[in-house]
All heavy atoms as atom14 arrays in JSON, in Angstrom:
{
  "sequence": "YAGGRLFDARTSPFGAALTPVQCIHYALTRPAVASILAGYDTPE",
  "atom14_mask": [
    [1, 1, 1, 1, 1, 1, 1, 1, 1, 1, 1, 1, 0, 0],
    [1, 1, 1, 1, 1, 0, 0, 0, 0, 0, 0, 0, 0, 0],
    [1, 1, 1, 1, 0, 0, 0, 0, 0, 0, 0, 0, 0, 0],
    [1, 1, 1, 1, 0, 0, 0, 0, 0, 0, 0, 0, 0, 0],
    [1, 1, 1, 1, 1, 1, 1, 1, 1, 1, 1, 0, 0, 0],
    [1, 1, 1, 1, 1, 1, 1, 1, 0, 0, 0, 0, 0, 0],
    [1, 1, 1, 1, 1, 1, 1, 1, 1, 1, 1, 0, 0, 0],
    [1, 1, 1, 1, 1, 1, 1, 1, 0, 0, 0, 0, 0, 0],
    [1, 1, 1, 1, 1, 0, 0, 0, 0, 0, 0, 0, 0, 0],
    [1, 1, 1, 1, 1, 1, 1, 1, 1, 1, 1, 0, 0, 0],
    [1, 1, 1, 1, 1, 1, 1, 0, 0, 0, 0, 0, 0, 0],
    [1, 1, 1, 1, 1, 1, 0, 0, 0, 0, 0, 0, 0, 0],
    [1, 1, 1, 1, 1, 1, 1, 0, 0, 0, 0, 0, 0, 0],
    [1, 1, 1, 1, 1, 1, 1, 1, 1, 1, 1, 0, 0, 0],
    [1, 1, 1, 1, 0, 0, 0, 0, 0, 0, 0, 0, 0, 0],
    [1, 1, 1, 1, 1, 0, 0, 0, 0, 0, 0, 0, 0, 0],
    [1, 1, 1, 1, 1, 0, 0, 0, 0, 0, 0, 0, 0, 0],
    [1, 1, 1, 1, 1, 1, 1, 1, 0, 0, 0, 0, 0, 0],
    [1, 1, 1, 1, 1, 1, 1, 0, 0, 0, 0, 0, 0, 0],
    [1, 1, 1, 1, 1, 1, 1, 0, 0, 0, 0, 0, 0, 0],
    [1, 1, 1, 1, 1, 1, 1, 0, 0, 0, 0, 0, 0, 0],
    [1, 1, 1, 1, 1, 1, 1, 1, 1, 0, 0, 0, 0, 0],
    [1, 1, 1, 1, 1, 1, 0, 0, 0, 0, 0, 0, 0, 0],
    [1, 1, 1, 1, 1, 1, 1, 1, 0, 0, 0, 0, 0, 0],
    [1, 1, 1, 1, 1, 1, 1, 1, 1, 1, 0, 0, 0, 0],
    [1, 1, 1, 1, 1, 1, 1, 1, 1, 1, 1, 1, 0, 0],
    [1, 1, 1, 1, 1, 0, 0, 0, 0, 0, 0, 0, 0, 0],
    [1, 1, 1, 1, 1, 1, 1, 1, 0, 0, 0, 0, 0, 0],
    [1, 1, 1, 1, 1, 1, 1, 0, 0, 0, 0, 0, 0, 0],
    [1, 1, 1, 1, 1, 1, 1, 1, 1, 1, 1, 0, 0, 0],
    [1, 1, 1, 1, 1, 1, 1, 0, 0, 0, 0, 0, 0, 0],
    [1, 1, 1, 1, 1, 0, 0, 0, 0, 0, 0, 0, 0, 0],
    [1, 1, 1, 1, 1, 1, 1, 0, 0, 0, 0, 0, 0, 0],
    [1, 1, 1, 1, 1, 0, 0, 0, 0, 0, 0, 0, 0, 0],
    [1, 1, 1, 1, 1, 1, 0, 0, 0, 0, 0, 0, 0, 0],
    [1, 1, 1, 1, 1, 1, 1, 1, 0, 0, 0, 0, 0, 0],
    [1, 1, 1, 1, 1, 1, 1, 1, 0, 0, 0, 0, 0, 0],
    [1, 1, 1, 1, 1, 0, 0, 0, 0, 0, 0, 0, 0, 0],
    [1, 1, 1, 1, 0, 0, 0, 0, 0, 0, 0, 0, 0, 0],
    [1, 1, 1, 1, 1, 1, 1, 1, 1, 1, 1, 1, 0, 0],
    [1, 1, 1, 1, 1, 1, 1, 1, 0, 0, 0, 0, 0, 0],
    [1, 1, 1, 1, 1, 1, 1, 0, 0, 0, 0, 0, 0, 0],
    [1, 1, 1, 1, 1, 1, 1, 0, 0, 0, 0, 0, 0, 0],
    [1, 1, 1, 1, 1, 1, 1, 1, 1, 0, 0, 0, 0, 0]
  ],
  "atom14_positions": [
    [[3.22, -1.47, -0.38], [2.05, -2.37, -0.23], [2.33, -3.57, 0.64], [1.48, -4.46, 0.74], [1.57, -2.84, -1.59], [1.18, -1.82, -2.6], [1.23, -2.12, -3.97], [0.76, -0.55, -2.27], [0.85, -1.17, -4.93], [0.45, 0.43, -3.2], [0.45, 0.1, -4.52], [0.08, 1.03, -5.52], [0.0, 0.0, 0.0], [0.0, 0.0, 0.0]],
    [[3.55, -3.6, 1.24], [3.96, -4.76, 2.01], [3.85, -6.03, 1.24], [3.37, -7.08, 1.76], [3.17, -4.87, 3.36], [0.0, 0.0, 0.0], [0.0, 0.0, 0.0], [0.0, 0.0, 0.0], [0.0, 0.0, 0.0], [0.0, 0.0, 0.0], [0.0, 0.0, 0.0], [0.0, 0.0, 0.0], [0.0, 0.0, 0.0], [0.0, 0.0, 0.0]],
    [[4.23, -5.97, -0.02], [4.2, -7.2, -0.87], [2.79, -7.56, -1.21], [2.6, -8.75, -1.67], [0.0, 0.0, 0.0], [0.0, 0.0, 0.0], [0.0, 0.0, 0.0], [0.0, 0.0, 0.0], [0.0, 0.0, 0.0], [0.0, 0.0, 0.0], [0.0, 0.0, 0.0], [0.0, 0.0, 0.0], [0.0, 0.0, 0.0], [0.0, 0.0, 0.0]],
    [[1.82, -6.65, -1.09], [0.44, -6.98, -1.39], [-0.37, -7.63, -0.26], [-1.58, -7.79, -0.33], [0.0, 0.0, 0.0], [0.0, 0.0, 0.0], [0.0, 0.0, 0.0], [0.0, 0.0, 0.0], [0.0, 0.0, 0.0], [0.0, 0.0, 0.0], [0.0, 0.0, 0.0], [0.0, 0.0, 0.0], [0.0, 0.0, 0.0], [0.0, 0.0, 0.0]],
    [[0.32, -7.89, 0.85], [-0.33, -8.55, 2.01], [-1.4, -7.64, 2.66], [-2.31, -8.17, 3.24], [0.68, -9.05, 3.07], [1.35, -7.96, 3.77], [2.38, -8.46, 4.8], [1.76, -9.34, 5.71], [2.35, -9.8, 6.82], [3.63, -9.47, 7.03], [1.71, -10.52, 7.68], [0.0, 0.0, 0.0], [0.0, 0.0, 0.0], [0.0, 0.0, 0.0]],
    [[-1.3, -6.35, 2.48], [-2.26, -5.44, 3.1], [-3.53, -5.37, 2.34], [-4.53, -4.86, 2.86], [-1.62, -4.01, 3.2], [-0.44, -3.88, 4.12], [0.11, -2.49, 4.06], [-0.81, -4.24, 5.56], [0.0, 0.0, 0.0], [0.0, 0.0, 0.0], [0.0, 0.0, 0.0], [0.0, 0.0, 0.0], [0.0, 0.0, 0.0], [0.0, 0.0, 0.0]],
    [[-3.61, -5.96, 1.16], [-4.86, -5.89, 0.36], [-5.87, -6.96, 0.75], [-7.0, -6.99, 0.21], [-4.5, -6.02, -1.13], [-3.6, -5.0, -1.67], [-2.89, -5.21, -2.85], [-3.46, -3.77, -1.03], [-2.06, -4.24, -3.32], [-2.59, -2.81, -1.52], [-1.91, -2.96, -2.71], [0.0, 0.0, 0.0], [0.0, 0.0, 0.0], [0.0, 0.0, 0.0]],
    [[-5.51, -7.87, 1.62], [-6.4, -8.94, 1.98], [-6.47, -9.06, 3.5], [-5.38, -9.17, 4.1], [-5.86, -10.24, 1.33], [-6.85, -11.43, 1.51], [-7.61, -11.5, 2.51], [-6.81, -12.31, 0.58], [0.0, 0.0, 0.0], [0.0, 0.0, 0.0], [0.0, 0.0, 0.0], [0.0, 0.0, 0.0], [0.0, 0.0, 0.0], [0.0, 0.0, 0.0]],
    [[-7.66, -9.09, 4.07], [-7.82, -9.19, 5.55], [-7.22, -10.44, 6.1], [-6.75, -10.53, 7.27], [-9.3, -9.08, 5.98], [0.0, 0.0, 0.0], [0.0, 0.0, 0.0], [0.0, 0.0, 0.0], [0.0, 0.0, 0.0], [0.0, 0.0, 0.0], [0.0, 0.0, 0.0], [0.0, 0.0, 0.0], [0.0, 0.0, 0.0], [0.0, 0.0, 0.0]],
    [[-7.11, -11.5, 5.27], [-6.56, -12.8, 5.7], [-5.06, -12.76, 5.87], [-4.5, -13.48, 6.7], [-6.96, -13.91, 4.74], [-8.46, -14.17, 4.74], [-8.81, -15.12, 3.58], [-8.45, -14.52, 2.25], [-8.61, -15.11, 1.1], [-9.14, -16.37, 1.05], [-8.31, -14.49, 0.01], [0.0, 0.0, 0.0], [0.0, 0.0, 0.0], [0.0, 0.0, 0.0]],
    [[-4.4, -11.89, 5.15], [-2.92, -11.82, 5.22], [-2.43, -10.47, 5.92], [-1.31, -10.41, 6.27], [-2.3, -11.87, 3.79], [-2.88, -10.76, 3.03], [-2.59, -13.17, 3.15], [0.0, 0.0, 0.0], [0.0, 0.0, 0.0], [0.0, 0.0, 0.0], [0.0, 0.0, 0.0], [0.0, 0.0, 0.0], [0.0, 0.0, 0.0], [0.0, 0.0, 0.0]],
    [[-3.35, -9.52, 6.12], [-2.97, -8.33, 6.72], [-2.75, -8.56, 8.25], [-3.54, -9.14, 8.9], [-4.11, -7.28, 6.56], [-3.91, -6.18, 7.43], [0.0, 0.0, 0.0], [0.0, 0.0, 0.0], [0.0, 0.0, 0.0], [0.0, 0.0, 0.0], [0.0, 0.0, 0.0], [0.0, 0.0, 0.0], [0.0, 0.0, 0.0], [0.0, 0.0, 0.0]],
    [[-1.67, -8.01, 8.84], [-1.47, -8.19, 10.28], [-2.54, -7.45, 11.12], [-2.65, -7.64, 12.33], [-0.1, -7.65, 10.48], [0.16, -6.69, 9.32], [-0.54, -7.29, 8.22], [0.0, 0.0, 0.0], [0.0, 0.0, 0.0], [0.0, 0.0, 0.0], [0.0, 0.0, 0.0], [0.0, 0.0, 0.0], [0.0, 0.0, 0.0], [0.0, 0.0, 0.0]],
    [[-3.27, -6.51, 10.47], [-4.35, -5.85, 11.19], [-5.66, -6.61, 11.17], [-6.56, -6.23, 11.96], [-4.56, -4.43, 10.48], [-3.37, -3.57, 10.39], [-2.76, -3.41, 9.18], [-2.84, -3.0, 11.49], [-1.63, -2.64, 9.01], [-1.7, -2.21, 11.39], [-1.1, -2.0, 10.17], [0.0, 0.0, 0.0], [0.0, 0.0, 0.0], [0.0, 0.0, 0.0]],
    [[-5.76, -7.62, 10.36], [-7.04, -8.34, 10.25], [-8.03, -7.5, 9.47], [-9.22, -7.82, 9.48], [0.0, 0.0, 0.0], [0.0, 0.0, 0.0], [0.0, 0.0, 0.0], [0.0, 0.0, 0.0], [0.0, 0.0, 0.0], [0.0, 0.0, 0.0], [0.0, 0.0, 0.0], [0.0, 0.0, 0.0], [0.0, 0.0, 0.0], [0.0, 0.0, 0.0]],
    [[-7.57, -6.56, 8.72], [-8.42, -5.73, 7.93], [-7.63, -5.29, 6.67], [-6.38, -5.17, 6.71], [-8.84, -4.47, 8.64], [0.0, 0.0, 0.0], [0.0, 0.0, 0.0], [0.0, 0.0, 0.0], [0.0, 0.0, 0.0], [0.0, 0.0, 0.0], [0.0, 0.0, 0.0], [0.0, 0.0, 0.0], [0.0, 0.0, 0.0], [0.0, 0.0, 0.0]],
    [[-8.3, -5.16, 5.52], [-7.68, -4.9, 4.24], [-7.64, -3.43, 3.95], [-8.53, -2.66, 4.34], [-8.43, -5.58, 3.11], [0.0, 0.0, 0.0], [0.0, 0.0, 0.0], [0.0, 0.0, 0.0], [0.0, 0.0, 0.0], [0.0, 0.0, 0.0], [0.0, 0.0, 0.0], [0.0, 0.0, 0.0], [0.0, 0.0, 0.0], [0.0, 0.0, 0.0]],
    [[-6.52, -3.0, 3.39], [-6.33, -1.65, 2.87], [-6.33, -1.68, 1.33], [-6.03, -2.65, 0.72], [-5.04, -0.94, 3.37], [-4.98, -0.7, 4.88], [-3.49, -0.51, 5.25], [-5.83, 0.52, 5.18], [0.0, 0.0, 0.0], [0.0, 0.0, 0.0], [0.0, 0.0, 0.0], [0.0, 0.0, 0.0], [0.0, 0.0, 0.0], [0.0, 0.0, 0.0]],
    [[-6.65, -0.51, 0.71], [-6.58, -0.48, -0.79], [-5.22, 0.14, -1.19], [-4.5, 0.68, -0.33], [-7.67, 0.47, -1.28], [-7.43, 1.77, -0.82], [-9.07, 0.02, -0.83], [0.0, 0.0, 0.0], [0.0, 0.0, 0.0], [0.0, 0.0, 0.0], [0.0, 0.0, 0.0], [0.0, 0.0, 0.0], [0.0, 0.0, 0.0], [0.0, 0.0, 0.0]],
    [[-4.85, -0.01, -2.41], [-3.62, 0.64, -2.9], [-3.58, 2.19, -2.62], [-2.55, 2.71, -2.23], [-3.58, 0.37, -4.42], [-4.29, -0.97, -4.55], [-5.42, -0.91, -3.5], [0.0, 0.0, 0.0], [0.0, 0.0, 0.0], [0.0, 0.0, 0.0], [0.0, 0.0, 0.0], [0.0, 0.0, 0.0], [0.0, 0.0, 0.0], [0.0, 0.0, 0.0]],
    [[-4.7, 2.85, -2.86], [-4.83, 4.26, -2.64], [-4.61, 4.62, -1.13], [-3.87, 5.57, -0.79], [-6.17, 4.83, -3.1], [-6.42, 6.25, -2.52], [-6.18, 4.89, -4.66], [0.0, 0.0, 0.0], [0.0, 0.0, 0.0], [0.0, 0.0, 0.0], [0.0, 0.0, 0.0], [0.0, 0.0, 0.0], [0.0, 0.0, 0.0], [0.0, 0.0, 0.0]],
    [[-5.13, 3.8, -0.23], [-4.96, 4.0, 1.17], [-3.42, 3.79, 1.56], [-2.88, 4.57, 2.34], [-5.86, 3.11, 2.0], [-7.27, 3.49, 1.97], [-8.25, 2.48, 2.45], [-7.91, 1.25, 2.54], [-9.41, 2.86, 2.86], [0.0, 0.0, 0.0], [0.0, 0.0, 0.0], [0.0, 0.0, 0.0], [0.0, 0.0, 0.0], [0.0, 0.0, 0.0]],
    [[-2.8, 2.79, 1.04], [-1.42, 2.5, 1.31], [-0.58, 3.68, 0.78], [0.38, 4.12, 1.44], [-0.96, 1.23, 0.67], [-1.6, -0.21, 1.43], [0.0, 0.0, 0.0], [0.0, 0.0, 0.0], [0.0, 0.0, 0.0], [0.0, 0.0, 0.0], [0.0, 0.0, 0.0], [0.0, 0.0, 0.0], [0.0, 0.0, 0.0], [0.0, 0.0, 0.0]],
    [[-0.85, 4.15, -0.42], [-0.17, 5.29, -0.97], [-0.28, 6.55, -0.1], [0.71, 7.25, 0.16], [-0.6, 5.59, -2.38], [-0.21, 4.49, -3.36], [-0.14, 6.94, -2.9], [-0.85, 4.52, -4.7], [0.0, 0.0, 0.0], [0.0, 0.0, 0.0], [0.0, 0.0, 0.0], [0.0, 0.0, 0.0], [0.0, 0.0, 0.0], [0.0, 0.0, 0.0]],
    [[-1.51, 6.8, 0.37], [-1.79, 7.96, 1.21], [-1.01, 7.84, 2.52], [-0.41, 8.86, 2.96], [-3.24, 8.11, 1.45], [-3.56, 9.49, 2.0], [-3.19, 10.67, 1.42], [-4.31, 9.88, 3.09], [-3.6, 11.69, 2.14], [-4.32, 11.22, 3.14], [0.0, 0.0, 0.0], [0.0, 0.0, 0.0], [0.0, 0.0, 0.0], [0.0, 0.0, 0.0]],
    [[-0.98, 6.67, 3.07], [-0.21, 6.45, 4.37], [1.29, 6.84, 4.11], [1.83, 7.61, 4.87], [-0.28, 5.04, 4.78], [0.49, 4.77, 6.09], [-0.08, 5.03, 7.33], [1.82, 4.38, 6.07], [0.65, 4.89, 8.47], [2.56, 4.23, 7.18], [1.97, 4.48, 8.44], [2.73, 4.35, 9.58], [0.0, 0.0, 0.0], [0.0, 0.0, 0.0]],
    [[1.87, 6.3, 3.09], [3.28, 6.64, 2.83], [3.52, 8.07, 2.57], [4.5, 8.69, 3.15], [3.76, 5.78, 1.56], [0.0, 0.0, 0.0], [0.0, 0.0, 0.0], [0.0, 0.0, 0.0], [0.0, 0.0, 0.0], [0.0, 0.0, 0.0], [0.0, 0.0, 0.0], [0.0, 0.0, 0.0], [0.0, 0.0, 0.0], [0.0, 0.0, 0.0]],
    [[2.6, 8.73, 1.82], [2.85, 10.16, 1.48], [2.57, 11.06, 2.65], [2.93, 12.25, 2.55], [2.0, 10.5, 0.29], [2.48, 9.85, -1.06], [1.42, 10.18, -2.18], [3.85, 10.29, -1.42], [0.0, 0.0, 0.0], [0.0, 0.0, 0.0], [0.0, 0.0, 0.0], [0.0, 0.0, 0.0], [0.0, 0.0, 0.0], [0.0, 0.0, 0.0]],
    [[1.94, 10.59, 3.72], [1.71, 11.42, 4.89], [2.89, 11.27, 5.93], [2.8, 12.02, 6.98], [0.37, 11.18, 5.56], [0.25, 9.75, 5.8], [-0.78, 11.65, 4.68], [0.0, 0.0, 0.0], [0.0, 0.0, 0.0], [0.0, 0.0, 0.0], [0.0, 0.0, 0.0], [0.0, 0.0, 0.0], [0.0, 0.0, 0.0], [0.0, 0.0, 0.0]],
    [[3.9, 10.47, 5.65], [5.01, 10.41, 6.57], [5.9, 11.58, 6.33], [6.1, 12.03, 5.19], [5.85, 9.11, 6.27], [5.2, 7.79, 6.52], [4.46, 7.65, 7.76], [3.07, 7.93, 7.59], [2.25, 8.4, 8.51], [2.67, 8.57, 9.75], [1.0, 8.7, 8.27], [0.0, 0.0, 0.0], [0.0, 0.0, 0.0], [0.0, 0.0, 0.0]],
    [[6.5, 12.16, 7.39], [7.47, 13.28, 7.21], [8.6, 12.87, 6.27], [9.0, 11.71, 6.27], [7.98, 13.52, 8.63], [6.84, 13.02, 9.48], [6.27, 11.83, 8.79], [0.0, 0.0, 0.0], [0.0, 0.0, 0.0], [0.0, 0.0, 0.0], [0.0, 0.0, 0.0], [0.0, 0.0, 0.0], [0.0, 0.0, 0.0], [0.0, 0.0, 0.0]],
    [[9.01, 13.8, 5.45], [10.18, 13.69, 4.51], [9.92, 12.85, 3.3], [10.76, 12.86, 2.41], [11.39, 13.18, 5.3], [0.0, 0.0, 0.0], [0.0, 0.0, 0.0], [0.0, 0.0, 0.0], [0.0, 0.0, 0.0], [0.0, 0.0, 0.0], [0.0, 0.0, 0.0], [0.0, 0.0, 0.0], [0.0, 0.0, 0.0], [0.0, 0.0, 0.0]],
    [[8.83, 12.13, 3.21], [8.5, 11.32, 2.08], [8.13, 12.15, 0.89], [7.27, 13.04, 0.98], [7.41, 10.28, 2.33], [6.92, 9.67, 1.07], [7.89, 9.23, 3.31], [0.0, 0.0, 0.0], [0.0, 0.0, 0.0], [0.0, 0.0, 0.0], [0.0, 0.0, 0.0], [0.0, 0.0, 0.0], [0.0, 0.0, 0.0], [0.0, 0.0, 0.0]],
    [[8.81, 11.86, -0.28], [8.55, 12.65, -1.49], [7.82, 11.8, -2.56], [6.98, 12.32, -3.31], [9.83, 13.17, -2.11], [0.0, 0.0, 0.0], [0.0, 0.0, 0.0], [0.0, 0.0, 0.0], [0.0, 0.0, 0.0], [0.0, 0.0, 0.0], [0.0, 0.0, 0.0], [0.0, 0.0, 0.0], [0.0, 0.0, 0.0], [0.0, 0.0, 0.0]],
    [[8.04, 10.46, -2.56], [7.5, 9.64, -3.67], [7.4, 8.22, -3.22], [8.31, 7.73, -2.51], [8.37, 9.72, -4.92], [7.76, 8.97, -5.97], [0.0, 0.0, 0.0], [0.0, 0.0, 0.0], [0.0, 0.0, 0.0], [0.0, 0.0, 0.0], [0.0, 0.0, 0.0], [0.0, 0.0, 0.0], [0.0, 0.0, 0.0], [0.0, 0.0, 0.0]],
    [[6.31, 7.56, -3.6], [6.18, 6.09, -3.36], [6.39, 5.44, -4.71], [5.69, 5.71, -5.73], [4.84, 5.74, -2.77], [4.67, 4.21, -2.63], [3.69, 6.36, -3.43], [3.54, 3.75, -1.72], [0.0, 0.0, 0.0], [0.0, 0.0, 0.0], [0.0, 0.0, 0.0], [0.0, 0.0, 0.0], [0.0, 0.0, 0.0], [0.0, 0.0, 0.0]],
    [[7.37, 4.49, -4.76], [7.69, 3.81, -5.98], [6.98, 2.43, -6.02], [7.46, 1.53, -5.28], [9.21, 3.63, -6.07], [10.03, 4.9, -5.81], [11.47, 4.63, -5.92], [9.65, 5.99, -6.85], [0.0, 0.0, 0.0], [0.0, 0.0, 0.0], [0.0, 0.0, 0.0], [0.0, 0.0, 0.0], [0.0, 0.0, 0.0], [0.0, 0.0, 0.0]],
    [[5.92, 2.34, -6.8], [5.12, 1.17, -6.83], [5.56, 0.28, -8.0], [6.15, 0.77, -8.98], [3.63, 1.49, -6.9], [0.0, 0.0, 0.0], [0.0, 0.0, 0.0], [0.0, 0.0, 0.0], [0.0, 0.0, 0.0], [0.0, 0.0, 0.0], [0.0, 0.0, 0.0], [0.0, 0.0, 0.0], [0.0, 0.0, 0.0], [0.0, 0.0, 0.0]],
    [[5.26, -0.99, -7.94], [5.56, -1.94, -9.0], [4.36, -2.11, -9.91], [3.24, -2.14, -9.4], [0.0, 0.0, 0.0], [0.0, 0.0, 0.0], [0.0, 0.0, 0.0], [0.0, 0.0, 0.0], [0.0, 0.0, 0.0], [0.0, 0.0, 0.0], [0.0, 0.0, 0.0], [0.0, 0.0, 0.0], [0.0, 0.0, 0.0], [0.0, 0.0, 0.0]],
    [[4.59, -2.22, -11.17], [3.49, -2.37, -12.17], [3.78, -3.49, -13.15], [4.89, -3.54, -13.73], [3.31, -1.04, -12.93], [3.31, 0.18, -12.12], [4.33, 1.18, -12.28], [2.33, 0.43, -11.12], [4.28, 2.32, -11.51], [2.34, 1.54, -10.33], [3.36, 2.53, -10.52], [3.37, 3.64, -9.79], [0.0, 0.0, 0.0], [0.0, 0.0, 0.0]],
    [[2.81, -4.36, -13.37], [2.92, -5.35, -14.41], [2.34, -4.87, -15.73], [2.76, -5.28, -16.81], [2.18, -6.63, -13.97], [3.06, -7.52, -13.1], [4.25, -7.75, -13.5], [2.56, -8.06, -12.11], [0.0, 0.0, 0.0], [0.0, 0.0, 0.0], [0.0, 0.0, 0.0], [0.0, 0.0, 0.0], [0.0, 0.0, 0.0], [0.0, 0.0, 0.0]],
    [[1.34, -3.97, -15.64], [0.6, -3.55, -16.84], [0.27, -2.09, -16.67], [0.33, -1.51, -15.58], [-0.78, -4.32, -16.89], [-1.54, -3.98, -15.73], [-0.57, -5.81, -16.85], [0.0, 0.0, 0.0], [0.0, 0.0, 0.0], [0.0, 0.0, 0.0], [0.0, 0.0, 0.0], [0.0, 0.0, 0.0], [0.0, 0.0, 0.0], [0.0, 0.0, 0.0]],
    [[-0.13, -1.42, -17.8], [-0.53, -0.08, -17.73], [-1.78, 0.11, -16.79], [-1.88, 1.22, -16.2], [-0.94, 0.23, -19.17], [-0.08, -0.66, -19.99], [0.03, -1.9, -19.2], [0.0, 0.0, 0.0], [0.0, 0.0, 0.0], [0.0, 0.0, 0.0], [0.0, 0.0, 0.0], [0.0, 0.0, 0.0], [0.0, 0.0, 0.0], [0.0, 0.0, 0.0]],
    [[-2.6, -0.88, -16.68], [-3.75, -0.72, -15.78], [-3.27, -0.62, -14.31], [-3.86, 0.12, -13.55], [-4.66, -2.01, -15.92], [-5.86, -1.94, -15.04], [-6.73, -0.73, -15.16], [-6.78, -0.14, -16.32], [-7.38, -0.27, -14.27], [0.0, 0.0, 0.0], [0.0, 0.0, 0.0], [0.0, 0.0, 0.0], [0.0, 0.0, 0.0], [0.0, 0.0, 0.0]]
  ]
}
């Protein structure tokens, strides 16, 4: 998630926000990638 900066257009280097699902899909479409290890504070 680039430390969460991609979730907000103001902090994203693209000037546009991505969602967690979109970030996950990006990672999982890279060659050789098997798993994305995300951080969680809560079950939600």
